N, C-alpha and C. Protein backbone atom coordinates (compact mmCIF):
# COMPACT_ATOMS: atom_id res chain seq x y z
N MET A 1 99.90 115.40 108.16
CA MET A 1 98.60 115.55 108.78
C MET A 1 97.79 114.30 108.46
N ASN A 2 97.06 113.82 109.44
CA ASN A 2 96.18 112.69 109.20
C ASN A 2 94.73 113.17 109.22
N PHE A 3 93.80 112.23 109.00
CA PHE A 3 92.39 112.58 108.88
C PHE A 3 91.86 113.23 110.16
N ARG A 4 92.21 112.67 111.29
CA ARG A 4 91.73 113.22 112.56
C ARG A 4 92.22 114.65 112.77
N GLU A 5 93.48 114.91 112.43
CA GLU A 5 94.02 116.27 112.57
C GLU A 5 93.30 117.23 111.62
N LEU A 6 93.01 116.76 110.41
CA LEU A 6 92.28 117.59 109.45
C LEU A 6 90.91 117.96 109.99
N ILE A 7 90.21 116.98 110.56
CA ILE A 7 88.88 117.23 111.14
C ILE A 7 88.98 118.29 112.23
N ASP A 8 89.96 118.16 113.12
CA ASP A 8 90.13 119.13 114.21
C ASP A 8 90.41 120.53 113.68
N VAL A 9 91.29 120.64 112.69
CA VAL A 9 91.64 121.95 112.15
C VAL A 9 90.43 122.61 111.49
N VAL A 10 89.71 121.85 110.67
CA VAL A 10 88.54 122.41 109.98
C VAL A 10 87.47 122.78 110.99
N SER A 11 87.27 121.95 111.99
CA SER A 11 86.27 122.23 113.02
C SER A 11 86.60 123.53 113.76
N GLN A 12 87.87 123.71 114.11
CA GLN A 12 88.28 124.93 114.81
C GLN A 12 88.17 126.16 113.90
N ASP A 13 88.57 126.02 112.63
CA ASP A 13 88.55 127.15 111.71
C ASP A 13 87.13 127.60 111.37
N THR A 14 86.19 126.65 111.30
CA THR A 14 84.84 126.98 110.87
C THR A 14 83.83 127.07 112.01
N LYS A 15 84.25 126.66 113.19
CA LYS A 15 83.35 126.63 114.37
C LYS A 15 82.19 125.66 114.15
N ILE A 16 82.40 124.62 113.34
CA ILE A 16 81.40 123.57 113.10
C ILE A 16 81.81 122.38 113.96
N PRO A 17 80.85 121.71 114.62
CA PRO A 17 81.20 120.56 115.46
C PRO A 17 82.00 119.50 114.69
N ALA A 18 82.98 118.91 115.35
CA ALA A 18 83.86 117.95 114.71
C ALA A 18 83.10 116.77 114.11
N GLY A 19 82.04 116.32 114.77
CA GLY A 19 81.25 115.22 114.25
C GLY A 19 80.63 115.54 112.89
N ASP A 20 80.15 116.77 112.74
CA ASP A 20 79.57 117.20 111.46
C ASP A 20 80.65 117.32 110.39
N VAL A 21 81.80 117.87 110.77
CA VAL A 21 82.91 118.00 109.82
C VAL A 21 83.34 116.62 109.35
N ARG A 22 83.39 115.66 110.26
CA ARG A 22 83.80 114.29 109.90
C ARG A 22 82.82 113.67 108.91
N LYS A 23 81.51 113.82 109.18
CA LYS A 23 80.50 113.24 108.28
C LYS A 23 80.64 113.80 106.86
N VAL A 24 80.79 115.10 106.76
CA VAL A 24 80.91 115.74 105.44
C VAL A 24 82.22 115.32 104.78
N SER A 25 83.30 115.28 105.54
CA SER A 25 84.60 114.90 104.98
C SER A 25 84.59 113.47 104.46
N VAL A 26 83.99 112.56 105.21
CA VAL A 26 83.90 111.16 104.77
C VAL A 26 83.07 111.08 103.49
N ALA A 27 81.97 111.82 103.43
CA ALA A 27 81.13 111.81 102.23
C ALA A 27 81.90 112.32 101.01
N ILE A 28 82.68 113.37 101.18
CA ILE A 28 83.49 113.91 100.08
C ILE A 28 84.53 112.90 99.62
N LEU A 29 85.23 112.28 100.58
CA LEU A 29 86.25 111.29 100.22
C LEU A 29 85.64 110.07 99.54
N GLU A 30 84.46 109.65 99.97
CA GLU A 30 83.78 108.53 99.31
C GLU A 30 83.44 108.90 97.87
N HIS A 31 82.99 110.14 97.67
CA HIS A 31 82.67 110.57 96.30
C HIS A 31 83.94 110.65 95.45
N PHE A 32 85.03 111.17 96.00
CA PHE A 32 86.30 111.20 95.26
C PHE A 32 86.71 109.78 94.87
N SER A 33 86.53 108.83 95.79
CA SER A 33 86.89 107.45 95.52
C SER A 33 86.07 106.91 94.34
N ARG A 34 84.77 107.21 94.32
CA ARG A 34 83.93 106.77 93.19
C ARG A 34 84.37 107.41 91.89
N LEU A 35 84.72 108.70 91.93
CA LEU A 35 85.19 109.38 90.72
C LEU A 35 86.45 108.72 90.18
N ILE A 36 87.37 108.37 91.06
CA ILE A 36 88.61 107.71 90.64
C ILE A 36 88.29 106.34 90.05
N GLU A 37 87.43 105.59 90.72
CA GLU A 37 87.05 104.26 90.23
C GLU A 37 86.41 104.36 88.84
N GLU A 38 85.60 105.39 88.61
CA GLU A 38 84.91 105.58 87.33
C GLU A 38 85.76 106.36 86.33
N GLN A 39 86.97 106.73 86.73
CA GLN A 39 87.91 107.47 85.88
C GLN A 39 87.33 108.81 85.41
N GLN A 40 86.70 109.52 86.34
CA GLN A 40 86.16 110.85 86.05
C GLN A 40 87.01 111.89 86.78
N ASN A 41 87.18 113.04 86.17
CA ASN A 41 87.96 114.12 86.75
C ASN A 41 87.08 115.00 87.62
N PHE A 42 87.71 115.83 88.43
CA PHE A 42 87.02 116.75 89.33
C PHE A 42 87.73 118.10 89.26
N ALA A 43 86.95 119.18 89.25
CA ALA A 43 87.54 120.52 89.25
C ALA A 43 86.78 121.39 90.24
N SER A 44 87.51 122.16 91.02
CA SER A 44 86.93 123.15 91.93
C SER A 44 87.75 124.42 91.80
N PRO A 45 87.33 125.50 92.44
CA PRO A 45 88.13 126.72 92.38
C PRO A 45 89.53 126.57 93.00
N LEU A 46 89.73 125.58 93.87
CA LEU A 46 91.01 125.43 94.56
C LEU A 46 91.88 124.30 94.04
N ILE A 47 91.27 123.16 93.67
CA ILE A 47 92.05 122.00 93.22
C ILE A 47 91.40 121.33 92.02
N THR A 48 92.19 120.51 91.34
CA THR A 48 91.67 119.62 90.31
C THR A 48 92.18 118.22 90.60
N LEU A 49 91.35 117.22 90.29
CA LEU A 49 91.76 115.83 90.37
C LEU A 49 91.66 115.27 88.96
N THR A 50 92.74 114.67 88.49
CA THR A 50 92.76 114.06 87.18
C THR A 50 92.96 112.55 87.38
N ALA A 51 91.97 111.78 86.95
CA ALA A 51 92.00 110.33 87.14
C ALA A 51 92.90 109.68 86.10
N GLY A 52 93.53 108.59 86.49
CA GLY A 52 94.39 107.84 85.58
C GLY A 52 94.43 106.38 85.97
N THR A 53 94.99 105.57 85.09
CA THR A 53 95.12 104.13 85.33
C THR A 53 96.48 103.67 84.86
N THR A 54 97.14 102.86 85.67
CA THR A 54 98.35 102.20 85.21
C THR A 54 97.94 100.79 84.81
N PRO A 55 98.36 100.35 83.64
CA PRO A 55 97.94 99.03 83.16
C PRO A 55 98.56 97.90 83.99
N ALA A 56 97.89 96.77 83.96
CA ALA A 56 98.42 95.57 84.62
C ALA A 56 99.66 95.10 83.87
N ARG A 57 100.62 94.53 84.60
CA ARG A 57 101.83 93.97 83.98
C ARG A 57 101.96 92.52 84.40
N PRO A 58 102.21 91.66 83.45
CA PRO A 58 102.38 90.25 83.80
C PRO A 58 103.72 90.02 84.49
N ALA A 59 103.82 88.89 85.15
CA ALA A 59 105.08 88.53 85.81
C ALA A 59 106.15 88.35 84.73
N ALA A 60 107.35 88.81 85.05
CA ALA A 60 108.46 88.69 84.10
C ALA A 60 109.71 88.30 84.88
N GLY A 61 110.22 87.13 84.59
CA GLY A 61 111.42 86.68 85.29
C GLY A 61 111.16 86.54 86.77
N ASP A 62 111.95 87.26 87.58
CA ASP A 62 111.78 87.20 89.03
C ASP A 62 110.85 88.29 89.57
N LYS A 63 110.27 89.12 88.66
CA LYS A 63 109.35 90.18 89.09
C LYS A 63 107.91 89.66 89.08
N PRO A 64 107.17 89.89 90.17
CA PRO A 64 105.78 89.41 90.22
C PRO A 64 104.87 90.25 89.33
N ALA A 65 103.70 89.71 89.03
CA ALA A 65 102.71 90.44 88.25
C ALA A 65 102.23 91.65 89.05
N VAL A 66 101.88 92.73 88.35
CA VAL A 66 101.38 93.95 88.98
C VAL A 66 99.96 94.18 88.46
N PRO A 67 98.97 94.27 89.35
CA PRO A 67 97.59 94.50 88.89
C PRO A 67 97.39 95.94 88.40
N GLU A 68 96.32 96.14 87.65
CA GLU A 68 95.95 97.49 87.22
C GLU A 68 95.70 98.34 88.46
N ARG A 69 96.10 99.61 88.39
CA ARG A 69 95.89 100.52 89.52
C ARG A 69 95.22 101.79 89.01
N LYS A 70 94.23 102.23 89.76
CA LYS A 70 93.56 103.49 89.44
C LYS A 70 94.02 104.52 90.46
N PHE A 71 94.23 105.75 89.99
CA PHE A 71 94.75 106.81 90.85
C PHE A 71 94.21 108.15 90.37
N ALA A 72 94.47 109.19 91.14
CA ALA A 72 94.14 110.55 90.74
C ALA A 72 95.31 111.46 91.11
N ARG A 73 95.60 112.38 90.22
CA ARG A 73 96.63 113.38 90.48
C ARG A 73 95.92 114.66 90.91
N MET A 74 96.30 115.20 92.05
CA MET A 74 95.71 116.43 92.56
C MET A 74 96.65 117.58 92.25
N ALA A 75 96.08 118.67 91.77
CA ALA A 75 96.88 119.86 91.50
C ALA A 75 96.18 121.08 92.09
N VAL A 76 96.97 121.99 92.62
CA VAL A 76 96.45 123.25 93.13
C VAL A 76 96.22 124.16 91.94
N ARG A 77 95.03 124.71 91.85
CA ARG A 77 94.72 125.61 90.73
C ARG A 77 95.41 126.95 90.96
N GLN A 78 95.90 127.51 89.90
CA GLN A 78 96.54 128.81 89.96
C GLN A 78 95.47 129.88 90.15
N GLN A 79 95.68 130.75 91.11
CA GLN A 79 94.75 131.85 91.33
C GLN A 79 95.14 133.01 90.43
N PRO A 80 94.17 133.68 89.82
CA PRO A 80 94.52 134.81 88.96
C PRO A 80 95.19 135.91 89.78
N PRO A 81 96.13 136.62 89.18
CA PRO A 81 96.78 137.70 89.93
C PRO A 81 95.78 138.78 90.32
N ALA A 82 96.02 139.37 91.48
CA ALA A 82 95.12 140.43 91.96
C ALA A 82 95.24 141.65 91.07
N LYS A 83 94.10 142.29 90.86
CA LYS A 83 94.09 143.52 90.06
C LYS A 83 94.69 144.64 90.89
N PRO A 84 95.48 145.52 90.26
CA PRO A 84 96.04 146.65 91.01
C PRO A 84 94.94 147.49 91.65
N GLY A 85 95.12 147.85 92.90
CA GLY A 85 94.17 148.69 93.60
C GLY A 85 93.01 147.92 94.21
N ALA A 86 92.92 146.64 93.95
CA ALA A 86 91.83 145.83 94.51
C ALA A 86 92.20 145.40 95.92
N ALA A 87 91.18 145.22 96.74
CA ALA A 87 91.41 144.76 98.10
C ALA A 87 91.93 143.32 98.05
N PRO A 88 92.84 142.95 98.93
CA PRO A 88 93.34 141.57 98.92
C PRO A 88 92.22 140.58 99.23
N ALA A 89 92.24 139.47 98.53
CA ALA A 89 91.22 138.44 98.72
C ALA A 89 91.48 137.71 100.03
N GLU A 90 90.39 137.35 100.71
CA GLU A 90 90.53 136.58 101.95
C GLU A 90 90.83 135.15 101.59
N SER A 91 91.64 134.50 102.41
CA SER A 91 91.93 133.09 102.17
C SER A 91 90.68 132.28 102.47
N GLN A 92 90.47 131.25 101.66
CA GLN A 92 89.30 130.40 101.84
C GLN A 92 89.68 129.22 102.70
N PRO A 93 88.75 128.72 103.53
CA PRO A 93 89.04 127.56 104.39
C PRO A 93 89.21 126.31 103.58
């Protein structure tokens, strides 16, 4: 799935105009980018982002130098098991 497909799916699921979904999505991704750059983690009820950095490596032999890289690992949070007799939870968009 690419960004445009994501916008279309969210727009259809939520009945929010695609232009508005795009603006909010871009703002969220920009904030995630800042969090990664600042090496800060993010947690929500559905996912967590854990920031990390790979150190720079100098050139060695025939291998070129590799610059420092910042990244984030995304993980799906485990949902607690449903209580017996409870109504099933609705899926969240």
